[in-house]
Amino acid sequence: MPDKQKMYPLSENHSDELRAANGFRIDELTMENILSDKVTMEDIQIAPETLNHQAEIAAAAKRHPLAVNFRRAAEMTRLPNELIMEIYEMLRPGRAVDRASLDAIAQRLREEFGAEKLALFLEEAAEIYTRHGVFSKRF
């Protein structure tokens, strides 16, 4: 098994293995291809495999919180952008109406997207928001 830490940065040491979410190889994501419209915004979305690979490297370097963040990011690649923005907005202090609203999104993440790590993150946020009273004061 290779030393995971020596694999970093992946773009320099393992670029042949890196692909965008749609399968484009990283070496195909050139300025020339962008300017000639061969590459679009959808072509440069990161693949969950790349984020999970980064998580393995972070874990090997004993940077466990960073590894967890990479794994959550990998789950986020399966979410529609509108849902990501909805979650972002709800996590801003004073924006979520109550704990049930965060719990409902956590349940949706699990059921529709299999995003367990993100669901746990939202449940943890709901617990902290409840403890510190940072839910919306709207009536």
C-alpha atoms as a PDB file:
ATOM      1  CA  MET A   1       0.000   0.000   0.000  1.00  0.00           C
ATOM      2  CA  PRO A   2       1.493   3.352  -1.006  1.00  0.00           C
ATOM      3  CA  ASP A   3       2.217   6.052   1.542  1.00  0.00           C
ATOM      4  CA  LYS A   4      -0.945   8.121   1.155  1.00  0.00           C
ATOM      5  CA  GLN A   5       0.746  11.312   2.345  1.00  0.00           C
ATOM      6  CA  LYS A   6       3.259  11.136  -0.510  1.00  0.00           C
ATOM      7  CA  MET A   7       0.372  11.147  -2.972  1.00  0.00           C
ATOM      8  CA  TYR A   8      -0.375  14.787  -2.163  1.00  0.00           C
ATOM      9  CA  PRO A   9      -0.890  16.920  -4.156  1.00  0.00           C
ATOM     10  CA  LEU A  10      -2.917  14.604  -6.319  1.00  0.00           C
ATOM     11  CA  SER A  11      -2.878  16.949  -9.297  1.00  0.00           C
ATOM     12  CA  GLU A  12       0.905  16.675  -9.472  1.00  0.00           C
ATOM     13  CA  ASN A  13       1.513  13.123  -8.326  1.00  0.00           C
ATOM     14  CA  HIS A  14      -1.534  11.262  -9.641  1.00  0.00           C
ATOM     15  CA  SER A  15      -3.091  13.456 -12.299  1.00  0.00           C
ATOM     16  CA  ASP A  16      -3.635  10.391 -14.501  1.00  0.00           C
ATOM     17  CA  GLU A  17      -6.159   9.107 -11.944  1.00  0.00           C
ATOM     18  CA  LEU A  18      -8.101  12.350 -11.513  1.00  0.00           C
ATOM     19  CA  ARG A  19     -11.314  12.923 -13.404  1.00  0.00           C
ATOM     20  CA  ALA A  20     -14.054  15.530 -13.292  1.00  0.00           C
ATOM     21  CA  ALA A  21     -17.535  14.409 -12.293  1.00  0.00           C
ATOM     22  CA  ASN A  22     -18.444  13.761 -15.945  1.00  0.00           C
ATOM     23  CA  GLY A  23     -15.306  11.709 -16.643  1.00  0.00           C
ATOM     24  CA  PHE A  24     -13.057  14.381 -18.174  1.00  0.00           C
ATOM     25  CA  ARG A  25      -9.427  13.686 -17.366  1.00  0.00           C
ATOM     26  CA  ILE A  26      -7.754  16.519 -15.481  1.00  0.00           C
ATOM     27  CA  ASP A  27      -5.214  16.999 -18.275  1.00  0.00           C
ATOM     28  CA  GLU A  28      -8.116  17.723 -20.649  1.00  0.00           C
ATOM     29  CA  LEU A  29      -9.176  20.702 -18.541  1.00  0.00           C
ATOM     30  CA  THR A  30      -6.889  23.143 -20.322  1.00  0.00           C
ATOM     31  CA  MET A  31      -7.324  26.824 -21.052  1.00  0.00           C
ATOM     32  CA  GLU A  32      -7.305  25.993 -24.762  1.00  0.00           C
ATOM     33  CA  ASN A  33     -10.236  23.591 -24.328  1.00  0.00           C
ATOM     34  CA  ILE A  34     -12.094  26.115 -22.182  1.00  0.00           C
ATOM     35  CA  LEU A  35     -11.625  28.934 -24.687  1.00  0.00           C
ATOM     36  CA  SER A  36     -12.737  26.704 -27.565  1.00  0.00           C
ATOM     37  CA  ASP A  37     -15.881  25.687 -25.614  1.00  0.00           C
ATOM     38  CA  LYS A  38     -14.831  22.037 -25.440  1.00  0.00           C
ATOM     39  CA  VAL A  39     -15.002  22.356 -21.646  1.00  0.00           C
ATOM     40  CA  THR A  40     -18.009  23.828 -19.832  1.00  0.00           C
ATOM     41  CA  MET A  41     -18.732  24.560 -16.175  1.00  0.00           C
ATOM     42  CA  GLU A  42     -20.334  21.130 -15.811  1.00  0.00           C
ATOM     43  CA  ASP A  43     -17.101  19.551 -17.011  1.00  0.00           C
ATOM     44  CA  ILE A  44     -15.066  20.935 -14.123  1.00  0.00           C
ATOM     45  CA  GLN A  45     -17.200  19.743 -11.219  1.00  0.00           C
ATOM     46  CA  ILE A  46     -15.119  17.638  -8.877  1.00  0.00           C
ATOM     47  CA  ALA A  47     -15.802  13.922  -8.658  1.00  0.00           C
ATOM     48  CA  PRO A  48     -16.679  12.347  -5.300  1.00  0.00           C
ATOM     49  CA  GLU A  49     -13.857   9.839  -5.820  1.00  0.00           C
ATOM     50  CA  THR A  50     -11.322  12.673  -5.864  1.00  0.00           C
ATOM     51  CA  LEU A  51     -12.684  14.097  -2.613  1.00  0.00           C
ATOM     52  CA  ASN A  52     -12.664  10.655  -0.988  1.00  0.00           C
ATOM     53  CA  HIS A  53      -9.080  10.194  -2.169  1.00  0.00           C
ATOM     54  CA  GLN A  54      -8.191  13.521  -0.527  1.00  0.00           C
ATOM     55  CA  ALA A  55      -9.931  12.288   2.639  1.00  0.00           C
ATOM     56  CA  GLU A  56      -7.715   9.192   2.692  1.00  0.00           C
ATOM     57  CA  ILE A  57      -4.615  11.365   2.418  1.00  0.00           C
ATOM     58  CA  ALA A  58      -5.824  13.666   5.201  1.00  0.00           C
ATOM     59  CA  ALA A  59      -6.611  10.689   7.446  1.00  0.00           C
ATOM     60  CA  ALA A  60      -3.168   9.192   6.794  1.00  0.00           C
ATOM     61  CA  ALA A  61      -1.675  12.533   7.856  1.00  0.00           C
ATOM     62  CA  LYS A  62      -3.787  12.325  11.033  1.00  0.00           C
ATOM     63  CA  ARG A  63      -5.833  15.330   9.959  1.00  0.00           C
ATOM     64  CA  HIS A  64      -9.120  13.673  10.820  1.00  0.00           C
ATOM     65  CA  PRO A  65     -11.382  16.769  10.859  1.00  0.00           C
ATOM     66  CA  LEU A  66     -10.169  17.618   7.352  1.00  0.00           C
ATOM     67  CA  ALA A  67     -10.811  14.030   6.238  1.00  0.00           C
ATOM     68  CA  VAL A  68     -14.385  14.244   7.560  1.00  0.00           C
ATOM     69  CA  ASN A  69     -14.899  17.518   5.672  1.00  0.00           C
ATOM     70  CA  PHE A  70     -13.676  15.924   2.435  1.00  0.00           C
ATOM     71  CA  ARG A  71     -16.064  12.988   2.938  1.00  0.00           C
ATOM     72  CA  ARG A  72     -18.990  15.349   3.516  1.00  0.00           C
ATOM     73  CA  ALA A  73     -17.972  17.282   0.400  1.00  0.00           C
ATOM     74  CA  ALA A  74     -17.997  14.016  -1.556  1.00  0.00           C
ATOM     75  CA  GLU A  75     -21.597  13.481  -0.436  1.00  0.00           C
ATOM     76  CA  MET A  76     -22.469  17.029  -1.485  1.00  0.00           C
ATOM     77  CA  THR A  77     -21.540  16.268  -5.094  1.00  0.00           C
ATOM     78  CA  ARG A  78     -24.756  14.240  -5.307  1.00  0.00           C
ATOM     79  CA  LEU A  79     -26.954  17.142  -4.199  1.00  0.00           C
ATOM     80  CA  PRO A  80     -28.656  19.661  -6.459  1.00  0.00           C
ATOM     81  CA  ASN A  81     -27.181  23.151  -6.136  1.00  0.00           C
ATOM     82  CA  GLU A  82     -30.542  24.521  -4.968  1.00  0.00           C
ATOM     83  CA  LEU A  83     -30.549  22.147  -2.000  1.00  0.00           C
ATOM     84  CA  ILE A  84     -26.969  23.067  -1.099  1.00  0.00           C
ATOM     85  CA  MET A  85     -27.949  26.734  -1.077  1.00  0.00           C
ATOM     86  CA  GLU A  86     -31.057  25.977   1.014  1.00  0.00           C
ATOM     87  CA  ILE A  87     -28.929  24.163   3.588  1.00  0.00           C
ATOM     88  CA  TYR A  88     -26.343  26.951   3.583  1.00  0.00           C
ATOM     89  CA  GLU A  89     -29.050  29.531   4.198  1.00  0.00           C
ATOM     90  CA  MET A  90     -30.635  27.492   7.003  1.00  0.00           C
ATOM     91  CA  LEU A  91     -27.310  27.046   8.786  1.00  0.00           C
ATOM     92  CA  ARG A  92     -26.771  30.769   9.062  1.00  0.00           C
ATOM     93  CA  PRO A  93     -27.622  31.775  12.659  1.00  0.00           C
ATOM     94  CA  GLY A  94     -31.178  33.016  12.972  1.00  0.00           C
ATOM     95  CA  ARG A  95     -32.294  31.638   9.587  1.00  0.00           C
ATOM     96  CA  ALA A  96     -33.636  28.208  10.504  1.00  0.00           C
ATOM     97  CA  VAL A  97     -37.060  28.496  12.085  1.00  0.00           C
ATOM     98  CA  ASP A  98     -36.734  25.561  14.465  1.00  0.00           C
ATOM     99  CA  ARG A  99     -34.975  22.274  15.089  1.00  0.00           C
ATOM    100  CA  ALA A 100     -37.590  20.335  13.155  1.00  0.00           C
ATOM    101  CA  SER A 101     -36.682  22.186   9.943  1.00  0.00           C
ATOM    102  CA  LEU A 102     -33.033  21.084  10.206  1.00  0.00           C
ATOM    103  CA  ASP A 103     -34.039  17.563  11.203  1.00  0.00           C
ATOM    104  CA  ALA A 104     -36.356  17.363   8.171  1.00  0.00           C
ATOM    105  CA  ILE A 105     -33.529  18.247   5.801  1.00  0.00           C
ATOM    106  CA  ALA A 106     -31.255  15.727   7.547  1.00  0.00           C
ATOM    107  CA  GLN A 107     -33.891  13.039   6.967  1.00  0.00           C
ATOM    108  CA  ARG A 108     -34.209  14.077   3.322  1.00  0.00           C
ATOM    109  CA  LEU A 109     -30.432  13.875   2.872  1.00  0.00           C
ATOM    110  CA  ARG A 110     -30.447  10.323   4.182  1.00  0.00           C
ATOM    111  CA  GLU A 111     -33.486   9.096   2.287  1.00  0.00           C
ATOM    112  CA  GLU A 112     -33.023  10.767  -1.105  1.00  0.00           C
ATOM    113  CA  PHE A 113     -29.249  11.061  -1.378  1.00  0.00           C
ATOM    114  CA  GLY A 114     -27.724   8.553   1.061  1.00  0.00           C
ATOM    115  CA  ALA A 115     -25.787  11.469   2.574  1.00  0.00           C
ATOM    116  CA  GLU A 116     -25.319  10.129   6.096  1.00  0.00           C
ATOM    117  CA  LYS A 117     -22.363  12.347   7.050  1.00  0.00           C
ATOM    118  CA  LEU A 118     -24.183  15.504   5.970  1.00  0.00           C
ATOM    119  CA  ALA A 119     -27.302  14.408   7.811  1.00  0.00           C
ATOM    120  CA  LEU A 120     -25.295  13.895  11.003  1.00  0.00           C
ATOM    121  CA  PHE A 121     -23.735  17.340  10.532  1.00  0.00           C
ATOM    122  CA  LEU A 122     -27.178  18.960  10.309  1.00  0.00           C
ATOM    123  CA  GLU A 123     -28.402  17.063  13.366  1.00  0.00           C
ATOM    124  CA  GLU A 124     -25.342  18.219  15.285  1.00  0.00           C
ATOM    125  CA  ALA A 125     -26.011  21.792  14.160  1.00  0.00           C
ATOM    126  CA  ALA A 126     -29.649  21.454  15.264  1.00  0.00           C
ATOM    127  CA  GLU A 127     -28.500  20.311  18.711  1.00  0.00           C
ATOM    128  CA  ILE A 128     -26.072  23.216  19.060  1.00  0.00           C
ATOM    129  CA  TYR A 129     -28.589  25.746  17.734  1.00  0.00           C
ATOM    130  CA  THR A 130     -31.135  24.461  20.245  1.00  0.00           C
ATOM    131  CA  ARG A 131     -28.646  24.726  23.098  1.00  0.00           C
ATOM    132  CA  HIS A 132     -27.588  28.253  22.156  1.00  0.00           C
ATOM    133  CA  GLY A 133     -30.961  29.595  20.975  1.00  0.00           C
ATOM    134  CA  VAL A 134     -29.878  30.636  17.500  1.00  0.00           C
ATOM    135  CA  PHE A 135     -33.084  29.752  15.696  1.00  0.00           C
ATOM    136  CA  SER A 136     -35.145  32.460  14.039  1.00  0.00           C
ATOM    137  CA  LYS A 137     -37.187  34.644  16.349  1.00  0.00           C
ATOM    138  CA  ARG A 138     -39.907  35.041  13.673  1.00  0.00           C
ATOM    139  CA  PHE A 139     -43.467  34.444  14.749  1.00  0.00           C
END
